């Protein structure tokens, strides 16, 4: 079941005095703003305005997802305690408002949490905007994002997902218009399993020296062929990067028997299954994702270690697993099953060429990272277009996940050597309709330490 967060506030300049309310609906996994509501209500007290904000927020949540659960966060102790049933409602003005709030969204799926005022700035800003509009004799209306829409239609300056593309200019346009940028958020983390494995920082016991100048041993990625914007032409509605994105929660599979031996393990080898440690990791991440309750679809690489990890999570969430071939790991050719040191000793020239260029393939007809990056980018575009506005778990491998992150950042291929990616770790990237992307999380393994 999907979860939404509602933050609400209200205020009165005089108490009683000119009053207004504000509310925002957020995606708890990404922090993304899904809806805003605000209004001027004439002369009223702070408490009345706060209840009005709560009602508006719950109604907005109902419009978005009537089957969701809602976590309300407010800095009004009075409203939180009264709606939680811990304080009696004595004031005659409050009783009908509390009853209206209880009807606005099924009460058994709403919980309440008090937060400090400084953590409720978004809703507070909306309430003040509404009061300012009332002072001018107007009603509050959503901010004008036409400047952002115009900026988003400019040609991109880099590859798909480049941070310099449309949404960056859209946000700059909004800043020029004195409009704050959208809120951001994140997702959860794990130990180390590689396809060419990472050099973990001591904790995972990696002894293999890093590739010179990199500090990591995971394979690099390369530039994919240019791809179109994820959702076609710029829409005529709100600026595309301000709408709810397709959010990919990126889960690296759990450990296999090859993990502690630090061997190349791609899509051209033995296709190992999860080890006992890997199965425990899959169960742990399944519990963590179930607790968050935000994943709506599960997509997996076709390789056994990913499918087993994905199936453990999907079973816990009550979802099906869809296999996406584009998420498979690199084919390492003749290097499959060998350690980095063994490859260096047997195929030194091929190894040097592979480290020097993303277009070089491993010995024996494996895939270059340029090829892998194009494959991953194509899968990304298909999935983002199919799941706009939704949260999807992608269960994959070192190279595909790091490639997705690198492309989202607009970073060069060598940046992949500077990322840590542990087994059963979670990362997150949000993809907007204009082709831009935002990295929300990288290598979260907190669920493995509980």
Protein backbone atom coordinates (compact mmCIF):
# COMPACT_ATOMS: atom_id res chain seq x y z
CA UNK A 1 0.00 0.00 0.00
CA UNK A 2 1.35 3.40 -0.95
CA UNK A 3 2.23 5.87 1.80
CA UNK A 4 1.94 9.65 1.56
CA UNK A 5 3.13 12.37 3.90
CA UNK A 6 0.98 15.46 4.52
CA UNK A 7 2.51 18.53 6.12
CA UNK A 8 0.01 21.21 7.09
CA UNK A 9 -0.01 24.58 8.82
CA UNK A 10 -2.18 27.61 9.36
CA UNK A 11 -1.76 31.07 10.79
CA UNK A 12 -3.58 34.21 11.81
CA UNK A 13 -2.15 37.72 11.85
CA UNK A 14 -3.84 38.90 15.02
CA UNK A 15 -5.32 35.66 16.43
CA UNK A 16 -8.07 36.26 15.52
CA UNK A 17 -7.16 38.16 12.39
CA UNK A 18 -6.58 37.68 8.67
CA UNK A 19 -5.87 33.95 8.41
CA UNK A 20 -4.69 31.39 5.90
CA UNK A 21 -3.61 27.78 5.64
CA UNK A 22 -1.15 25.72 3.63
CA UNK A 23 -0.58 22.01 3.03
CA UNK A 24 1.78 19.91 0.96
CA UNK A 25 1.64 16.21 0.02
CA UNK A 26 5.03 14.50 -0.22
CA UNK A 27 6.38 11.16 -1.40
CA UNK A 28 8.13 9.77 1.71
CA UNK A 29 10.67 7.81 -0.36
CA UNK A 30 11.92 10.75 -2.42
CA UNK A 31 10.69 13.84 -0.58
CA UNK A 32 9.10 14.91 -3.86
CA UNK A 33 6.26 17.43 -3.72
CA UNK A 34 3.14 15.74 -5.14
CA UNK A 35 0.53 18.41 -4.42
CA UNK A 36 0.14 21.80 -2.73
CA UNK A 37 -2.92 23.52 -1.31
CA UNK A 38 -3.42 26.89 0.36
CA UNK A 39 -6.21 29.35 1.00
CA UNK A 40 -7.22 32.61 2.62
CA UNK A 41 -10.11 32.20 5.05
CA UNK A 42 -10.76 35.73 6.28
CA UNK A 43 -10.70 36.53 9.98
CA UNK A 44 -10.06 33.45 12.13
CA UNK A 45 -7.83 32.07 14.89
CA UNK A 46 -4.58 30.16 14.48
CA UNK A 47 -6.28 26.92 15.52
CA UNK A 48 -9.05 27.23 12.96
CA UNK A 49 -6.48 27.95 10.25
CA UNK A 50 -4.40 24.94 11.28
CA UNK A 51 -7.42 22.64 11.06
CA UNK A 52 -8.25 24.10 7.65
CA UNK A 53 -4.72 23.26 6.52
CA UNK A 54 -5.07 19.69 7.76
CA UNK A 55 -8.38 19.24 5.91
CA UNK A 56 -6.93 20.63 2.68
CA UNK A 57 -3.89 18.34 2.92
CA UNK A 58 -5.99 15.23 3.55
CA UNK A 59 -8.29 16.06 0.64
CA UNK A 60 -5.28 16.54 -1.65
CA UNK A 61 -3.93 13.15 -0.54
CA UNK A 62 -7.31 11.54 -1.22
CA UNK A 63 -7.31 12.97 -4.74
CA UNK A 64 -3.82 11.55 -5.37
CA UNK A 65 -4.17 8.07 -3.88
CA UNK A 66 -7.44 7.15 -2.16
CA UNK A 67 -6.07 3.74 -1.12
CA UNK A 68 -2.88 5.12 0.47
CA UNK A 69 -1.92 5.48 4.11
CA UNK A 70 -1.19 9.02 5.25
CA UNK A 71 1.30 10.28 7.80
CA UNK A 72 0.35 13.81 8.89
CA UNK A 73 3.11 16.06 10.25
CA UNK A 74 2.20 19.36 11.90
CA UNK A 75 3.79 21.77 14.35
CA UNK A 76 0.42 22.29 16.09
CA UNK A 77 0.51 20.18 19.24
CA UNK A 78 -3.18 20.90 19.75
CA UNK A 79 -4.31 19.51 16.39
CA UNK A 80 -1.97 16.50 16.54
CA UNK A 81 -3.08 15.50 20.04
CA UNK A 82 -6.77 16.10 19.38
CA UNK A 83 -6.82 14.19 16.10
CA UNK A 84 -4.82 11.36 17.69
CA UNK A 85 -7.55 11.07 20.32
CA UNK A 86 -5.29 11.87 23.27
CA UNK A 87 -6.80 15.30 24.02
CA UNK A 88 -10.49 16.11 24.28
CA UNK A 89 -11.91 18.70 21.91
CA UNK A 90 -13.67 21.26 24.08
CA UNK A 91 -13.87 24.41 21.96
CA UNK A 92 -17.10 24.58 19.94
CA UNK A 93 -15.26 25.97 16.88
CA UNK A 94 -12.88 23.00 16.84
CA UNK A 95 -15.39 20.14 17.03
CA UNK A 96 -16.90 20.52 13.53
CA UNK A 97 -13.44 21.07 12.04
CA UNK A 98 -12.07 17.93 13.69
CA UNK A 99 -15.08 15.96 12.44
CA UNK A 100 -14.53 17.33 8.92
CA UNK A 101 -10.84 16.32 9.09
CA UNK A 102 -11.84 12.83 10.21
CA UNK A 103 -14.10 12.51 7.17
CA UNK A 104 -11.57 13.93 4.70
CA UNK A 105 -9.58 10.68 4.60
CA UNK A 106 -10.33 7.24 6.12
CA UNK A 107 -9.27 7.74 9.73
CA UNK A 108 -7.90 4.20 10.15
CA UNK A 109 -5.25 4.98 7.54
CA UNK A 110 -4.10 8.32 8.98
CA UNK A 111 -1.45 8.80 11.69
CA UNK A 112 -0.28 12.04 13.26
CA UNK A 113 3.17 13.28 14.22
CA UNK A 114 4.23 16.55 15.85
CA UNK A 115 7.26 18.25 14.30
CA UNK A 116 9.13 21.45 15.27
CA UNK A 117 8.13 24.59 13.40
CA UNK A 118 11.45 24.76 11.55
CA UNK A 119 10.65 21.40 9.94
CA UNK A 120 7.29 22.62 8.67
CA UNK A 121 8.56 25.48 6.53
CA UNK A 122 6.94 24.38 3.27
CA UNK A 123 3.38 24.41 4.64
CA UNK A 124 4.12 27.60 6.64
CA UNK A 125 5.28 29.33 3.45
CA UNK A 126 2.10 28.34 1.65
CA UNK A 127 -0.04 29.66 4.51
CA UNK A 128 1.78 32.99 4.41
CA UNK A 129 1.39 33.16 0.63
CA UNK A 130 -2.35 32.67 1.11
CA UNK A 131 -2.52 35.42 3.74
CA UNK A 132 -0.52 37.78 1.49
CA UNK A 133 -2.93 37.04 -1.37
CA UNK A 134 -5.88 37.77 0.92
CA UNK A 135 -4.35 41.09 1.89
CA UNK A 136 -4.32 42.00 -1.81
CA UNK A 137 -7.96 40.96 -2.14
CA UNK A 138 -7.04 37.77 -4.02
CA UNK A 139 -7.17 34.04 -3.39
CA UNK A 140 -3.98 32.00 -3.40
CA UNK A 141 -3.11 30.21 -6.63
CA UNK A 142 -0.18 27.89 -7.47
CA UNK A 143 2.98 29.69 -8.52
CA UNK A 144 3.57 30.43 -12.20
CA UNK A 145 6.07 27.94 -13.59
CA UNK A 146 5.99 29.19 -17.18
CA UNK A 147 9.63 30.28 -16.95
CA UNK A 148 10.56 26.77 -15.95
CA UNK A 149 8.51 25.28 -18.78
CA UNK A 150 10.21 27.49 -21.29
CA UNK A 151 13.65 26.65 -19.94
CA UNK A 152 12.86 22.95 -20.01
CA UNK A 153 12.19 23.05 -23.74
CA UNK A 154 15.72 24.23 -24.56
CA UNK A 155 17.99 21.67 -26.23
CA UNK A 156 19.91 19.58 -23.66
CA UNK A 157 23.57 20.44 -23.10
CA UNK A 158 24.71 16.91 -22.38
CA UNK A 159 23.74 13.24 -22.51
CA UNK A 160 20.38 12.02 -21.21
CA UNK A 161 20.27 12.45 -17.46
CA UNK A 162 22.98 15.12 -17.56
CA UNK A 163 22.53 17.43 -14.59
CA UNK A 164 23.02 20.37 -16.98
CA UNK A 165 19.94 19.47 -19.02
CA UNK A 166 16.48 20.98 -18.99
CA UNK A 167 15.53 20.75 -15.33
CA UNK A 168 18.67 22.50 -14.15
CA UNK A 169 17.76 25.48 -16.29
CA UNK A 170 14.15 25.18 -15.18
CA UNK A 171 15.19 25.43 -11.57
CA UNK A 172 17.41 28.38 -12.41
CA UNK A 173 14.42 30.07 -14.02
CA UNK A 174 12.35 29.43 -10.92
CA UNK A 175 15.10 30.87 -8.75
CA UNK A 176 15.07 33.99 -10.89
CA UNK A 177 11.36 34.21 -10.24
CA UNK A 178 12.10 33.95 -6.49
CA UNK A 179 10.48 30.54 -6.25
CA UNK A 180 12.12 27.94 -3.99
CA UNK A 181 13.19 24.68 -5.63
CA UNK A 182 11.34 21.42 -5.00
CA UNK A 183 12.18 19.41 -1.95
CA UNK A 184 14.34 16.35 -2.32
CA UNK A 185 14.48 13.07 -0.54
CA UNK A 186 16.02 9.65 -0.48
CA UNK A 187 15.81 5.71 0.14
CA UNK A 188 17.98 2.77 2.19
CA UNK A 189 22.04 0.64 2.04
CA UNK A 190 24.72 -3.15 2.13
CA UNK A 191 28.30 -5.41 2.20
CA UNK A 192 30.23 -6.17 -0.97
CA UNK A 193 29.66 -8.51 -3.87
CA UNK A 194 30.95 -7.83 -7.18
CA UNK A 195 30.91 -8.45 -10.48
CA UNK A 196 34.38 -7.11 -10.54
CA UNK A 197 33.92 -6.26 -7.06
CA UNK A 198 34.42 -3.05 -5.13
CA UNK A 199 37.30 -2.41 -2.87
CA UNK A 200 35.40 -1.87 0.36
CA UNK A 201 36.85 0.32 3.04
CA UNK A 202 38.34 -2.37 5.26
CA UNK A 203 35.05 -3.65 6.66
CA UNK A 204 34.46 -6.06 3.78
CA UNK A 205 37.99 -7.42 3.77
CA UNK A 206 39.07 -6.51 0.25
CA UNK A 207 42.76 -7.14 -0.17
CA UNK A 208 43.18 -6.66 -3.92
CA UNK A 209 45.02 -3.39 -4.65
CA UNK A 210 42.88 -0.82 -6.43
CA UNK A 211 43.26 0.16 -10.04
CA UNK A 212 45.92 2.91 -9.99
CA UNK A 213 44.43 6.32 -9.48
CA UNK A 214 40.94 5.05 -8.73
CA UNK A 215 40.69 3.39 -5.33
CA UNK A 216 38.07 0.94 -6.65
CA UNK A 217 38.04 -2.08 -8.90
CA UNK A 218 34.49 -2.03 -10.22
CA UNK A 219 34.30 -1.86 -13.99
CA UNK A 220 33.88 1.57 -15.55
CA UNK A 221 31.03 2.55 -17.83
CA UNK A 222 30.96 4.48 -21.07
CA UNK A 223 28.81 7.02 -22.83
CA UNK A 224 25.64 5.50 -24.33
CA UNK A 225 24.37 6.60 -27.67
CA UNK A 226 22.26 9.77 -27.39
CA UNK A 227 18.71 9.00 -26.30
CA UNK A 228 15.52 11.03 -26.56
CA UNK A 229 13.89 12.76 -23.61
CA UNK A 230 12.11 10.23 -21.43
CA UNK A 231 8.60 11.43 -22.11
CA UNK A 232 8.70 13.13 -25.48
CA UNK A 233 7.95 16.82 -26.15
CA UNK A 234 7.62 19.28 -23.29
CA UNK A 235 4.03 19.22 -21.98
CA UNK A 236 1.80 22.26 -21.81
CA UNK A 237 0.92 21.72 -18.14
CA UNK A 238 3.26 22.22 -15.16
CA UNK A 239 6.99 22.20 -15.87
CA UNK A 240 7.88 18.52 -16.44
CA UNK A 241 10.63 18.38 -13.84
CA UNK A 242 8.24 19.68 -11.18
CA UNK A 243 5.81 16.80 -11.72
CA UNK A 244 6.14 13.49 -9.88
CA UNK A 245 9.12 11.64 -11.38
CA UNK A 246 9.66 7.97 -12.07
CA UNK A 247 11.75 6.94 -9.09
CA UNK A 248 14.09 3.97 -9.44
CA UNK A 249 15.19 2.35 -6.21
CA UNK A 250 18.34 0.50 -7.28
CA UNK A 251 19.08 -2.69 -5.36
CA UNK A 252 22.32 -4.55 -5.89
CA UNK A 253 21.83 -8.31 -5.49
CA UNK A 254 23.02 -10.17 -2.40
CA UNK A 255 26.30 -12.03 -2.08
CA UNK A 256 27.22 -15.19 -4.00
CA UNK A 257 29.98 -17.73 -3.37
CA UNK A 258 32.23 -15.71 -5.69
CA UNK A 259 31.96 -12.54 -3.62
CA UNK A 260 34.54 -13.25 -0.89
CA UNK A 261 36.93 -14.53 -3.56
CA UNK A 262 36.65 -11.26 -5.48
CA UNK A 263 36.13 -12.87 -8.88
CA UNK A 264 34.72 -11.42 -12.09
CA UNK A 265 31.08 -12.50 -12.19
CA UNK A 266 29.16 -11.17 -15.15
CA UNK A 267 26.52 -12.45 -17.55
CA UNK A 268 28.85 -14.74 -19.50
CA UNK A 269 29.86 -17.11 -16.72
CA UNK A 270 28.34 -19.65 -14.38
CA UNK A 271 25.37 -17.53 -13.19
CA UNK A 272 25.87 -18.27 -9.46
CA UNK A 273 23.00 -18.26 -7.00
CA UNK A 274 22.85 -16.39 -3.72
CA UNK A 275 24.93 -17.75 -0.88
CA UNK A 276 23.46 -18.20 2.58
CA UNK A 277 24.78 -14.72 3.44
CA UNK A 278 23.17 -13.37 0.28
CA UNK A 279 19.80 -14.87 1.21
CA UNK A 280 20.00 -13.21 4.62
CA UNK A 281 20.77 -9.91 2.93
CA UNK A 282 17.81 -10.31 0.59
CA UNK A 283 15.51 -10.97 3.55
CA UNK A 284 16.84 -7.90 5.37
CA UNK A 285 16.30 -5.57 2.43
CA UNK A 286 12.82 -7.06 1.89
CA UNK A 287 11.91 -6.17 5.48
CA UNK A 288 13.29 -2.65 5.07
CA UNK A 289 11.40 -1.98 1.85
CA UNK A 290 8.19 -3.42 3.29
CA UNK A 291 8.49 -1.02 6.22
CA UNK A 292 8.83 1.92 3.83
CA UNK A 293 5.85 0.80 1.77
CA UNK A 294 6.65 2.92 -1.28
CA UNK A 295 7.75 0.38 -3.94
CA UNK A 296 5.00 -0.25 -6.49
CA UNK A 297 6.77 -2.50 -9.04
CA UNK A 298 9.76 -4.87 -8.99
CA UNK A 299 12.00 -5.32 -12.05
CA UNK A 300 15.01 -7.63 -12.14
CA UNK A 301 18.03 -8.58 -14.19
CA UNK A 302 17.55 -12.09 -15.64
CA UNK A 303 20.56 -13.49 -13.76
CA UNK A 304 19.83 -15.90 -10.90
CA UNK A 305 21.34 -13.84 -8.09
CA UNK A 306 19.17 -10.85 -8.99
CA UNK A 307 16.00 -12.85 -9.56
CA UNK A 308 16.41 -14.55 -6.16
CA UNK A 309 16.95 -11.19 -4.47
CA UNK A 310 14.00 -9.66 -6.33
CA UNK A 311 11.71 -12.59 -5.53
CA UNK A 312 12.48 -12.30 -1.81
CA UNK A 313 11.51 -8.63 -1.86
CA UNK A 314 8.48 -9.07 -4.13
CA UNK A 315 7.09 -11.87 -1.95
CA UNK A 316 7.32 -9.60 1.08
CA UNK A 317 5.62 -6.74 -0.78
CA UNK A 318 2.96 -8.85 -2.49
CA UNK A 319 4.21 -7.88 -5.96
CA UNK A 320 5.28 -9.73 -9.11
CA UNK A 321 8.78 -9.66 -10.61
CA UNK A 322 9.24 -8.47 -14.18
CA UNK A 323 12.53 -9.44 -15.86
CA UNK A 324 14.39 -6.77 -17.87
CA UNK A 325 17.33 -8.16 -19.90
CA UNK A 326 18.88 -4.70 -20.17
CA UNK A 327 19.73 -4.80 -16.45
CA UNK A 328 22.07 -7.80 -16.72
CA UNK A 329 25.73 -7.52 -15.77
CA UNK A 330 28.58 -7.14 -18.26
CA UNK A 331 29.77 -10.24 -20.11
CA UNK A 332 33.41 -10.50 -19.01
CA UNK A 333 34.35 -13.09 -21.63
CA UNK A 334 37.39 -15.19 -20.76
CA UNK A 335 37.77 -13.32 -17.49
CA UNK A 336 34.63 -14.80 -15.94
CA UNK A 337 35.44 -16.53 -12.66
CA UNK A 338 38.98 -15.10 -12.45
CA UNK A 339 40.31 -12.64 -9.93
CA UNK A 340 41.68 -9.28 -10.99
CA UNK A 341 45.21 -10.53 -10.25
CA UNK A 342 44.69 -13.65 -12.36
CA UNK A 343 43.50 -11.61 -15.31
CA UNK A 344 46.42 -9.24 -14.93
CA UNK A 345 48.84 -12.19 -14.98
CA UNK A 346 47.23 -14.03 -17.94
CA UNK A 347 46.07 -11.18 -20.16
CA UNK A 348 48.16 -8.11 -19.23
CA UNK A 349 47.76 -6.28 -22.54
CA UNK A 350 44.03 -6.86 -22.72
CA UNK A 351 43.67 -5.68 -19.13
CA UNK A 352 45.63 -2.49 -19.84
CA UNK A 353 43.48 -1.75 -22.89
CA UNK A 354 40.28 -2.43 -20.92
CA UNK A 355 41.32 -0.07 -18.13
CA UNK A 356 42.31 2.63 -20.59
CA UNK A 357 39.17 2.72 -22.74
CA UNK A 358 35.47 2.00 -22.20
CA UNK A 359 35.36 0.77 -25.78
CA UNK A 360 37.77 -2.10 -25.10
CA UNK A 361 36.21 -5.52 -24.45
CA UNK A 362 37.55 -8.25 -22.16
CA UNK A 363 39.48 -11.15 -23.68
CA UNK A 364 37.42 -13.65 -25.62
CA UNK A 365 34.57 -11.53 -26.93
CA UNK A 366 33.07 -10.04 -23.78
CA UNK A 367 31.19 -6.73 -23.71
CA UNK A 368 32.83 -3.33 -23.62
CA UNK A 369 31.45 -0.88 -21.10
CA UNK A 370 30.40 1.40 -23.94
CA UNK A 371 28.11 -1.39 -25.11
CA UNK A 372 26.81 -2.00 -21.59
CA UNK A 373 26.11 1.69 -21.04
CA UNK A 374 24.04 1.92 -24.21
CA UNK A 375 22.06 -1.17 -23.17
CA UNK A 376 21.44 0.20 -19.68
CA UNK A 377 20.42 3.64 -20.98
CA UNK A 378 17.91 2.02 -23.32
CA UNK A 379 16.40 0.00 -20.47
CA UNK A 380 16.30 3.13 -18.31
CA UNK A 381 14.33 5.04 -20.92
CA UNK A 382 11.81 2.24 -21.43
CA UNK A 383 11.21 1.80 -17.73
CA UNK A 384 11.02 5.52 -16.93
CA UNK A 385 8.46 6.05 -19.69
CA UNK A 386 6.40 3.09 -18.50
CA UNK A 387 6.46 4.09 -14.82
CA UNK A 388 6.20 7.88 -14.82
CA UNK A 389 5.23 9.13 -11.37
CA UNK A 390 5.75 5.75 -9.70
CA UNK A 391 8.42 4.08 -7.56
CA UNK A 392 10.07 1.01 -9.08
CA UNK A 393 12.63 -1.34 -7.53
CA UNK A 394 15.33 -2.35 -10.03
CA UNK A 395 17.41 -5.32 -8.90
CA UNK A 396 20.68 -5.34 -10.80
CA UNK A 397 24.50 -5.43 -10.62
CA UNK A 398 27.52 -3.20 -10.07
CA UNK A 399 27.99 -1.98 -13.63
CA UNK A 400 24.34 -1.22 -14.49
CA UNK A 401 23.63 0.54 -11.19
CA UNK A 402 26.79 2.63 -11.27
CA UNK A 403 26.09 3.48 -14.89
CA UNK A 404 22.61 4.74 -14.02
CA UNK A 405 24.04 6.89 -11.24
CA UNK A 406 26.85 8.20 -13.43
CA UNK A 407 24.50 9.15 -16.25
CA UNK A 408 22.15 10.87 -13.81
CA UNK A 409 25.06 12.98 -12.56
CA UNK A 410 26.38 13.66 -16.05
CA UNK A 411 29.75 12.39 -14.83
CA UNK A 412 32.55 10.90 -16.98
CA UNK A 413 33.13 7.13 -17.15
CA UNK A 414 36.11 7.26 -14.78
CA UNK A 415 33.80 8.51 -12.01
CA UNK A 416 32.56 4.94 -11.64
CA UNK A 417 35.88 4.01 -10.04
CA UNK A 418 35.12 6.46 -7.23
CA UNK A 419 31.76 4.96 -6.18
CA UNK A 420 31.28 2.36 -3.48
CA UNK A 421 28.47 -0.14 -4.14
CA UNK A 422 27.98 -2.91 -1.62
CA UNK A 423 26.00 -6.13 -1.91
CA UNK A 424 22.30 -5.67 -1.14
CA UNK A 425 22.78 -1.89 -1.05
CA UNK A 426 20.09 0.56 -2.06
CA UNK A 427 20.51 3.64 -4.21
CA UNK A 428 17.83 5.87 -5.75
CA UNK A 429 17.48 8.05 -8.83
CA UNK A 430 14.43 10.12 -9.83
CA UNK A 431 13.73 10.64 -13.55
CA UNK A 432 11.76 13.66 -14.70
CA UNK A 433 9.66 14.09 -17.82
CA UNK A 434 12.16 16.48 -19.44
CA UNK A 435 14.96 13.88 -19.39
CA UNK A 436 16.75 15.18 -16.33
CA UNK A 437 17.55 12.96 -13.35
CA UNK A 438 18.33 13.47 -9.68
CA UNK A 439 20.40 11.09 -7.54
CA UNK A 440 18.64 10.69 -4.20
CA UNK A 441 20.69 7.98 -2.51
CA UNK A 442 23.83 5.94 -3.02
CA UNK A 443 24.97 2.69 -1.36
CA UNK A 444 22.70 2.64 1.67
CA UNK A 445 23.29 -0.50 3.75
CA UNK A 446 21.66 0.55 7.02
CA UNK A 447 19.11 -2.28 6.77
CA UNK A 448 21.96 -4.81 7.00
CA UNK A 449 23.17 -3.46 10.34
CA UNK A 450 19.93 -3.91 12.29
